[in-house]
Amino acid sequence: MNSTPRIEFHGQTIDVLLQKSQTPSQAECFHYTLPKGSEPVPAHIHAEEEEFFFIIDGQACFTINGEKRIAKAGDFIPVHRGTPHGFQQHGDKDCIMWVVASGKNSLADYLKGVAEILNGNDSEALAKERFLALFKRYGVTIPNFEL
Protein backbone atom coordinates (compact mmCIF):
# COMPACT_ATOMS: atom_id res chain seq x y z
CA MET A 1 0.00 0.00 0.00
CA ASN A 2 1.38 3.41 -1.00
CA SER A 3 1.30 5.87 1.90
CA THR A 4 2.65 8.75 -0.19
CA PRO A 5 -0.19 11.15 -1.00
CA ARG A 6 -0.59 11.67 -4.74
CA ILE A 7 -2.05 14.78 -6.35
CA GLU A 8 -3.08 14.66 -10.02
CA PHE A 9 -4.43 17.28 -12.40
CA HIS A 10 -3.93 18.28 -16.06
CA GLY A 11 -1.96 15.05 -16.61
CA GLN A 12 0.60 16.07 -13.98
CA THR A 13 1.45 13.86 -11.01
CA ILE A 14 2.73 15.21 -7.71
CA ASP A 15 3.78 12.74 -5.03
CA VAL A 16 4.03 14.40 -1.63
CA LEU A 17 7.21 12.98 -0.06
CA LEU A 18 7.36 15.20 3.02
CA GLN A 19 4.57 17.28 4.51
CA LYS A 20 4.85 20.07 7.05
CA SER A 21 3.10 17.87 9.62
CA GLN A 22 5.97 15.35 9.39
CA THR A 23 8.77 17.74 10.29
CA PRO A 24 9.42 20.61 12.71
CA SER A 25 10.70 22.70 9.79
CA GLN A 26 8.61 24.66 7.32
CA ALA A 27 9.70 22.41 4.44
CA GLU A 28 7.74 20.14 2.15
CA CYS A 29 9.12 17.92 -0.63
CA PHE A 30 7.46 16.67 -3.82
CA HIS A 31 8.26 14.33 -6.70
CA TYR A 32 6.68 16.17 -9.63
CA THR A 33 6.10 14.62 -13.06
CA LEU A 34 5.22 16.81 -16.04
CA PRO A 35 4.33 14.43 -18.88
CA LYS A 36 5.14 15.34 -22.45
CA GLY A 37 2.34 17.54 -23.72
CA SER A 38 0.89 18.29 -20.28
CA GLU A 39 -0.69 21.64 -19.48
CA PRO A 40 1.74 24.38 -18.40
CA VAL A 41 1.72 25.71 -14.84
CA PRO A 42 0.78 29.35 -15.42
CA ALA A 43 2.85 32.25 -14.13
CA HIS A 44 2.01 32.79 -10.47
CA ILE A 45 3.40 34.33 -7.30
CA HIS A 46 3.63 32.89 -3.78
CA ALA A 47 3.60 35.67 -1.19
CA GLU A 48 5.02 33.53 1.63
CA GLU A 49 6.79 30.52 0.10
CA GLU A 50 10.14 29.75 -1.44
CA GLU A 51 10.32 26.97 -4.04
CA PHE A 52 13.37 25.05 -5.18
CA PHE A 53 13.24 22.84 -8.28
CA PHE A 54 15.80 20.11 -9.04
CA ILE A 55 15.42 18.52 -12.47
CA ILE A 56 15.90 14.74 -12.28
CA ASP A 57 15.10 13.78 -15.88
CA GLY A 58 13.87 15.47 -19.01
CA GLN A 59 13.54 19.23 -19.40
CA ALA A 60 11.27 22.04 -18.28
CA CYS A 61 10.87 25.55 -19.59
CA PHE A 62 10.70 27.98 -16.66
CA THR A 63 9.55 31.56 -16.96
CA ILE A 64 10.87 33.54 -13.99
CA ASN A 65 10.30 37.28 -13.79
CA GLY A 66 9.33 37.16 -17.48
CA GLU A 67 12.59 35.48 -18.57
CA LYS A 68 12.52 32.01 -20.12
CA ARG A 69 15.05 29.35 -19.18
CA ILE A 70 15.28 25.72 -20.27
CA ALA A 71 16.26 23.52 -17.34
CA LYS A 72 17.63 20.02 -17.89
CA ALA A 73 18.58 17.08 -15.68
CA GLY A 74 20.92 18.23 -12.94
CA ASP A 75 19.77 21.87 -12.97
CA PHE A 76 18.63 23.57 -9.77
CA ILE A 77 16.13 26.43 -10.04
CA PRO A 78 15.46 28.54 -6.91
CA VAL A 79 12.34 30.73 -6.88
CA HIS A 80 12.06 33.18 -4.03
CA ARG A 81 8.79 34.41 -2.52
CA GLY A 82 7.17 37.22 -4.44
CA THR A 83 8.78 36.14 -7.73
CA PRO A 84 6.49 35.54 -10.73
CA HIS A 85 7.19 32.08 -12.14
CA GLY A 86 5.63 29.33 -14.21
CA PHE A 87 6.87 26.20 -15.94
CA GLN A 88 6.03 23.44 -18.38
CA GLN A 89 7.47 20.24 -19.77
CA HIS A 90 9.90 20.83 -22.62
CA GLY A 91 11.52 18.51 -25.15
CA ASP A 92 10.76 14.98 -26.20
CA LYS A 93 10.22 13.23 -22.87
CA ASP A 94 8.53 13.65 -19.51
CA CYS A 95 10.12 16.03 -17.04
CA ILE A 96 10.67 14.67 -13.55
CA MET A 97 11.74 16.96 -10.76
CA TRP A 98 11.97 17.25 -7.01
CA VAL A 99 10.42 20.36 -5.57
CA VAL A 100 11.13 21.64 -2.08
CA ALA A 101 8.88 24.37 -0.72
CA SER A 102 9.36 26.31 2.47
CA GLY A 103 7.27 29.02 4.05
CA LYS A 104 4.16 29.96 5.95
CA ASN A 105 1.58 28.01 3.94
CA SER A 106 1.34 24.36 2.95
CA LEU A 107 1.99 23.98 -0.78
CA ALA A 108 0.69 20.40 -0.50
CA ASP A 109 -2.65 21.63 0.84
CA TYR A 110 -2.80 24.32 -1.86
CA LEU A 111 -2.11 21.76 -4.63
CA LYS A 112 -4.75 19.41 -3.18
CA GLY A 113 -7.22 22.29 -3.42
CA VAL A 114 -6.23 22.98 -7.02
CA ALA A 115 -6.70 19.30 -7.91
CA GLU A 116 -10.09 19.17 -6.19
CA ILE A 117 -11.34 22.09 -8.25
CA LEU A 118 -9.80 21.01 -11.57
CA ASN A 119 -10.92 17.40 -11.18
CA GLY A 120 -14.43 18.37 -10.04
CA ASN A 121 -17.44 19.20 -12.13
CA ASP A 122 -18.35 22.65 -10.82
CA SER A 123 -19.78 25.21 -13.19
CA GLU A 124 -17.16 27.59 -14.56
CA ALA A 125 -18.48 30.39 -12.35
CA LEU A 126 -18.32 28.27 -9.19
CA ALA A 127 -14.87 26.90 -10.07
CA LYS A 128 -13.57 30.44 -10.57
CA GLU A 129 -15.06 31.51 -7.23
CA ARG A 130 -13.43 28.53 -5.49
CA PHE A 131 -10.08 29.28 -7.14
CA LEU A 132 -10.16 32.91 -6.04
CA ALA A 133 -10.89 31.82 -2.44
CA LEU A 134 -8.04 29.28 -2.63
CA PHE A 135 -5.61 31.90 -3.96
CA LYS A 136 -6.54 34.28 -1.15
CA ARG A 137 -6.21 31.60 1.55
CA TYR A 138 -2.74 30.52 0.39
CA GLY A 139 -1.35 33.89 -0.71
CA VAL A 140 -1.13 32.99 -4.41
CA THR A 141 -1.52 35.50 -7.22
CA ILE A 142 -2.02 34.44 -10.83
CA PRO A 143 -1.82 37.65 -12.89
CA ASN A 144 -3.49 36.23 -16.02
CA PHE A 145 -5.88 33.82 -14.31
CA GLU A 146 -8.32 32.02 -16.62
CA LEU A 147 -10.02 28.66 -16.31
C-alpha atoms as a PDB file:
ATOM      1  CA  MET A   1       0.000   0.000   0.000  1.00  0.00           C
ATOM      2  CA  ASN A   2       1.380   3.405  -0.995  1.00  0.00           C
ATOM      3  CA  SER A   3       1.299   5.872   1.902  1.00  0.00           C
ATOM      4  CA  THR A   4       2.653   8.748  -0.195  1.00  0.00           C
ATOM      5  CA  PRO A   5      -0.186  11.148  -1.001  1.00  0.00           C
ATOM      6  CA  ARG A   6      -0.589  11.669  -4.738  1.00  0.00           C
ATOM      7  CA  ILE A   7      -2.047  14.779  -6.352  1.00  0.00           C
ATOM      8  CA  GLU A   8      -3.081  14.658 -10.019  1.00  0.00           C
ATOM      9  CA  PHE A   9      -4.427  17.277 -12.405  1.00  0.00           C
ATOM     10  CA  HIS A  10      -3.929  18.279 -16.059  1.00  0.00           C
ATOM     11  CA  GLY A  11      -1.965  15.053 -16.607  1.00  0.00           C
ATOM     12  CA  GLN A  12       0.604  16.066 -13.983  1.00  0.00           C
ATOM     13  CA  THR A  13       1.454  13.857 -11.008  1.00  0.00           C
ATOM     14  CA  ILE A  14       2.734  15.207  -7.710  1.00  0.00           C
ATOM     15  CA  ASP A  15       3.783  12.736  -5.028  1.00  0.00           C
ATOM     16  CA  VAL A  16       4.032  14.404  -1.625  1.00  0.00           C
ATOM     17  CA  LEU A  17       7.208  12.980  -0.063  1.00  0.00           C
ATOM     18  CA  LEU A  18       7.359  15.202   3.018  1.00  0.00           C
ATOM     19  CA  GLN A  19       4.566  17.277   4.509  1.00  0.00           C
ATOM     20  CA  LYS A  20       4.851  20.066   7.055  1.00  0.00           C
ATOM     21  CA  SER A  21       3.098  17.875   9.625  1.00  0.00           C
ATOM     22  CA  GLN A  22       5.966  15.350   9.389  1.00  0.00           C
ATOM     23  CA  THR A  23       8.771  17.743  10.295  1.00  0.00           C
ATOM     24  CA  PRO A  24       9.417  20.606  12.709  1.00  0.00           C
ATOM     25  CA  SER A  25      10.703  22.703   9.793  1.00  0.00           C
ATOM     26  CA  GLN A  26       8.610  24.664   7.324  1.00  0.00           C
ATOM     27  CA  ALA A  27       9.704  22.409   4.438  1.00  0.00           C
ATOM     28  CA  GLU A  28       7.745  20.141   2.146  1.00  0.00           C
ATOM     29  CA  CYS A  29       9.116  17.924  -0.626  1.00  0.00           C
ATOM     30  CA  PHE A  30       7.463  16.672  -3.816  1.00  0.00           C
ATOM     31  CA  HIS A  31       8.258  14.328  -6.699  1.00  0.00           C
ATOM     32  CA  TYR A  32       6.684  16.174  -9.632  1.00  0.00           C
ATOM     33  CA  THR A  33       6.097  14.619 -13.060  1.00  0.00           C
ATOM     34  CA  LEU A  34       5.222  16.808 -16.038  1.00  0.00           C
ATOM     35  CA  PRO A  35       4.327  14.427 -18.881  1.00  0.00           C
ATOM     36  CA  LYS A  36       5.144  15.338 -22.450  1.00  0.00           C
ATOM     37  CA  GLY A  37       2.337  17.539 -23.725  1.00  0.00           C
ATOM     38  CA  SER A  38       0.885  18.294 -20.282  1.00  0.00           C
ATOM     39  CA  GLU A  39      -0.688  21.645 -19.478  1.00  0.00           C
ATOM     40  CA  PRO A  40       1.741  24.378 -18.396  1.00  0.00           C
ATOM     41  CA  VAL A  41       1.717  25.708 -14.840  1.00  0.00           C
ATOM     42  CA  PRO A  42       0.777  29.354 -15.417  1.00  0.00           C
ATOM     43  CA  ALA A  43       2.848  32.246 -14.128  1.00  0.00           C
ATOM     44  CA  HIS A  44       2.013  32.786 -10.472  1.00  0.00           C
ATOM     45  CA  ILE A  45       3.403  34.328  -7.303  1.00  0.00           C
ATOM     46  CA  HIS A  46       3.635  32.893  -3.784  1.00  0.00           C
ATOM     47  CA  ALA A  47       3.602  35.665  -1.189  1.00  0.00           C
ATOM     48  CA  GLU A  48       5.021  33.531   1.631  1.00  0.00           C
ATOM     49  CA  GLU A  49       6.791  30.521   0.097  1.00  0.00           C
ATOM     50  CA  GLU A  50      10.142  29.749  -1.440  1.00  0.00           C
ATOM     51  CA  GLU A  51      10.320  26.966  -4.041  1.00  0.00           C
ATOM     52  CA  PHE A  52      13.370  25.049  -5.178  1.00  0.00           C
ATOM     53  CA  PHE A  53      13.236  22.836  -8.277  1.00  0.00           C
ATOM     54  CA  PHE A  54      15.800  20.111  -9.041  1.00  0.00           C
ATOM     55  CA  ILE A  55      15.416  18.522 -12.471  1.00  0.00           C
ATOM     56  CA  ILE A  56      15.904  14.743 -12.276  1.00  0.00           C
ATOM     57  CA  ASP A  57      15.100  13.776 -15.875  1.00  0.00           C
ATOM     58  CA  GLY A  58      13.866  15.475 -19.011  1.00  0.00           C
ATOM     59  CA  GLN A  59      13.544  19.226 -19.398  1.00  0.00           C
ATOM     60  CA  ALA A  60      11.269  22.040 -18.279  1.00  0.00           C
ATOM     61  CA  CYS A  61      10.870  25.547 -19.587  1.00  0.00           C
ATOM     62  CA  PHE A  62      10.704  27.975 -16.662  1.00  0.00           C
ATOM     63  CA  THR A  63       9.553  31.558 -16.961  1.00  0.00           C
ATOM     64  CA  ILE A  64      10.870  33.536 -13.989  1.00  0.00           C
ATOM     65  CA  ASN A  65      10.304  37.278 -13.794  1.00  0.00           C
ATOM     66  CA  GLY A  66       9.335  37.156 -17.477  1.00  0.00           C
ATOM     67  CA  GLU A  67      12.586  35.483 -18.573  1.00  0.00           C
ATOM     68  CA  LYS A  68      12.522  32.009 -20.120  1.00  0.00           C
ATOM     69  CA  ARG A  69      15.053  29.354 -19.184  1.00  0.00           C
ATOM     70  CA  ILE A  70      15.282  25.715 -20.272  1.00  0.00           C
ATOM     71  CA  ALA A  71      16.257  23.519 -17.338  1.00  0.00           C
ATOM     72  CA  LYS A  72      17.626  20.019 -17.895  1.00  0.00           C
ATOM     73  CA  ALA A  73      18.579  17.083 -15.683  1.00  0.00           C
ATOM     74  CA  GLY A  74      20.921  18.233 -12.939  1.00  0.00           C
ATOM     75  CA  ASP A  75      19.771  21.870 -12.974  1.00  0.00           C
ATOM     76  CA  PHE A  76      18.634  23.573  -9.771  1.00  0.00           C
ATOM     77  CA  ILE A  77      16.131  26.435 -10.036  1.00  0.00           C
ATOM     78  CA  PRO A  78      15.464  28.544  -6.910  1.00  0.00           C
ATOM     79  CA  VAL A  79      12.341  30.728  -6.882  1.00  0.00           C
ATOM     80  CA  HIS A  80      12.058  33.181  -4.029  1.00  0.00           C
ATOM     81  CA  ARG A  81       8.792  34.413  -2.518  1.00  0.00           C
ATOM     82  CA  GLY A  82       7.170  37.222  -4.439  1.00  0.00           C
ATOM     83  CA  THR A  83       8.781  36.143  -7.734  1.00  0.00           C
ATOM     84  CA  PRO A  84       6.493  35.539 -10.733  1.00  0.00           C
ATOM     85  CA  HIS A  85       7.191  32.083 -12.137  1.00  0.00           C
ATOM     86  CA  GLY A  86       5.629  29.330 -14.209  1.00  0.00           C
ATOM     87  CA  PHE A  87       6.867  26.202 -15.945  1.00  0.00           C
ATOM     88  CA  GLN A  88       6.028  23.438 -18.375  1.00  0.00           C
ATOM     89  CA  GLN A  89       7.467  20.236 -19.767  1.00  0.00           C
ATOM     90  CA  HIS A  90       9.903  20.829 -22.624  1.00  0.00           C
ATOM     91  CA  GLY A  91      11.519  18.514 -25.149  1.00  0.00           C
ATOM     92  CA  ASP A  92      10.763  14.977 -26.202  1.00  0.00           C
ATOM     93  CA  LYS A  93      10.217  13.227 -22.868  1.00  0.00           C
ATOM     94  CA  ASP A  94       8.532  13.648 -19.508  1.00  0.00           C
ATOM     95  CA  CYS A  95      10.115  16.031 -17.038  1.00  0.00           C
ATOM     96  CA  ILE A  96      10.665  14.668 -13.551  1.00  0.00           C
ATOM     97  CA  MET A  97      11.743  16.957 -10.759  1.00  0.00           C
ATOM     98  CA  TRP A  98      11.971  17.247  -7.009  1.00  0.00           C
ATOM     99  CA  VAL A  99      10.419  20.363  -5.567  1.00  0.00           C
ATOM    100  CA  VAL A 100      11.132  21.643  -2.078  1.00  0.00           C
ATOM    101  CA  ALA A 101       8.882  24.367  -0.719  1.00  0.00           C
ATOM    102  CA  SER A 102       9.365  26.310   2.468  1.00  0.00           C
ATOM    103  CA  GLY A 103       7.268  29.022   4.046  1.00  0.00           C
ATOM    104  CA  LYS A 104       4.164  29.961   5.947  1.00  0.00           C
ATOM    105  CA  ASN A 105       1.583  28.009   3.943  1.00  0.00           C
ATOM    106  CA  SER A 106       1.343  24.361   2.945  1.00  0.00           C
ATOM    107  CA  LEU A 107       1.993  23.983  -0.778  1.00  0.00           C
ATOM    108  CA  ALA A 108       0.688  20.398  -0.499  1.00  0.00           C
ATOM    109  CA  ASP A 109      -2.653  21.632   0.838  1.00  0.00           C
ATOM    110  CA  TYR A 110      -2.799  24.315  -1.856  1.00  0.00           C
ATOM    111  CA  LEU A 111      -2.111  21.756  -4.627  1.00  0.00           C
ATOM    112  CA  LYS A 112      -4.752  19.409  -3.183  1.00  0.00           C
ATOM    113  CA  GLY A 113      -7.217  22.293  -3.416  1.00  0.00           C
ATOM    114  CA  VAL A 114      -6.229  22.980  -7.024  1.00  0.00           C
ATOM    115  CA  ALA A 115      -6.704  19.299  -7.906  1.00  0.00           C
ATOM    116  CA  GLU A 116     -10.090  19.166  -6.187  1.00  0.00           C
ATOM    117  CA  ILE A 117     -11.343  22.094  -8.251  1.00  0.00           C
ATOM    118  CA  LEU A 118      -9.799  21.014 -11.571  1.00  0.00           C
ATOM    119  CA  ASN A 119     -10.920  17.402 -11.183  1.00  0.00           C
ATOM    120  CA  GLY A 120     -14.429  18.368 -10.041  1.00  0.00           C
ATOM    121  CA  ASN A 121     -17.439  19.200 -12.132  1.00  0.00           C
ATOM    122  CA  ASP A 122     -18.348  22.646 -10.820  1.00  0.00           C
ATOM    123  CA  SER A 123     -19.779  25.205 -13.191  1.00  0.00           C
ATOM    124  CA  GLU A 124     -17.156  27.590 -14.564  1.00  0.00           C
ATOM    125  CA  ALA A 125     -18.475  30.394 -12.348  1.00  0.00           C
ATOM    126  CA  LEU A 126     -18.318  28.274  -9.186  1.00  0.00           C
ATOM    127  CA  ALA A 127     -14.870  26.901 -10.070  1.00  0.00           C
ATOM    128  CA  LYS A 128     -13.568  30.439 -10.568  1.00  0.00           C
ATOM    129  CA  GLU A 129     -15.059  31.512  -7.231  1.00  0.00           C
ATOM    130  CA  ARG A 130     -13.431  28.532  -5.487  1.00  0.00           C
ATOM    131  CA  PHE A 131     -10.083  29.280  -7.142  1.00  0.00           C
ATOM    132  CA  LEU A 132     -10.157  32.911  -6.035  1.00  0.00           C
ATOM    133  CA  ALA A 133     -10.890  31.823  -2.440  1.00  0.00           C
ATOM    134  CA  LEU A 134      -8.038  29.281  -2.629  1.00  0.00           C
ATOM    135  CA  PHE A 135      -5.605  31.902  -3.957  1.00  0.00           C
ATOM    136  CA  LYS A 136      -6.541  34.277  -1.149  1.00  0.00           C
ATOM    137  CA  ARG A 137      -6.209  31.597   1.552  1.00  0.00           C
ATOM    138  CA  TYR A 138      -2.738  30.516   0.388  1.00  0.00           C
ATOM    139  CA  GLY A 139      -1.347  33.894  -0.709  1.00  0.00           C
ATOM    140  CA  VAL A 140      -1.127  32.991  -4.411  1.00  0.00           C
ATOM    141  CA  THR A 141      -1.522  35.502  -7.220  1.00  0.00           C
ATOM    142  CA  ILE A 142      -2.024  34.437 -10.825  1.00  0.00           C
ATOM    143  CA  PRO A 143      -1.817  37.650 -12.890  1.00  0.00           C
ATOM    144  CA  ASN A 144      -3.492  36.231 -16.018  1.00  0.00           C
ATOM    145  CA  PHE A 145      -5.885  33.821 -14.313  1.00  0.00           C
ATOM    146  CA  GLU A 146      -8.323  32.023 -16.621  1.00  0.00           C
ATOM    147  CA  LEU A 147     -10.022  28.657 -16.312  1.00  0.00           C
END
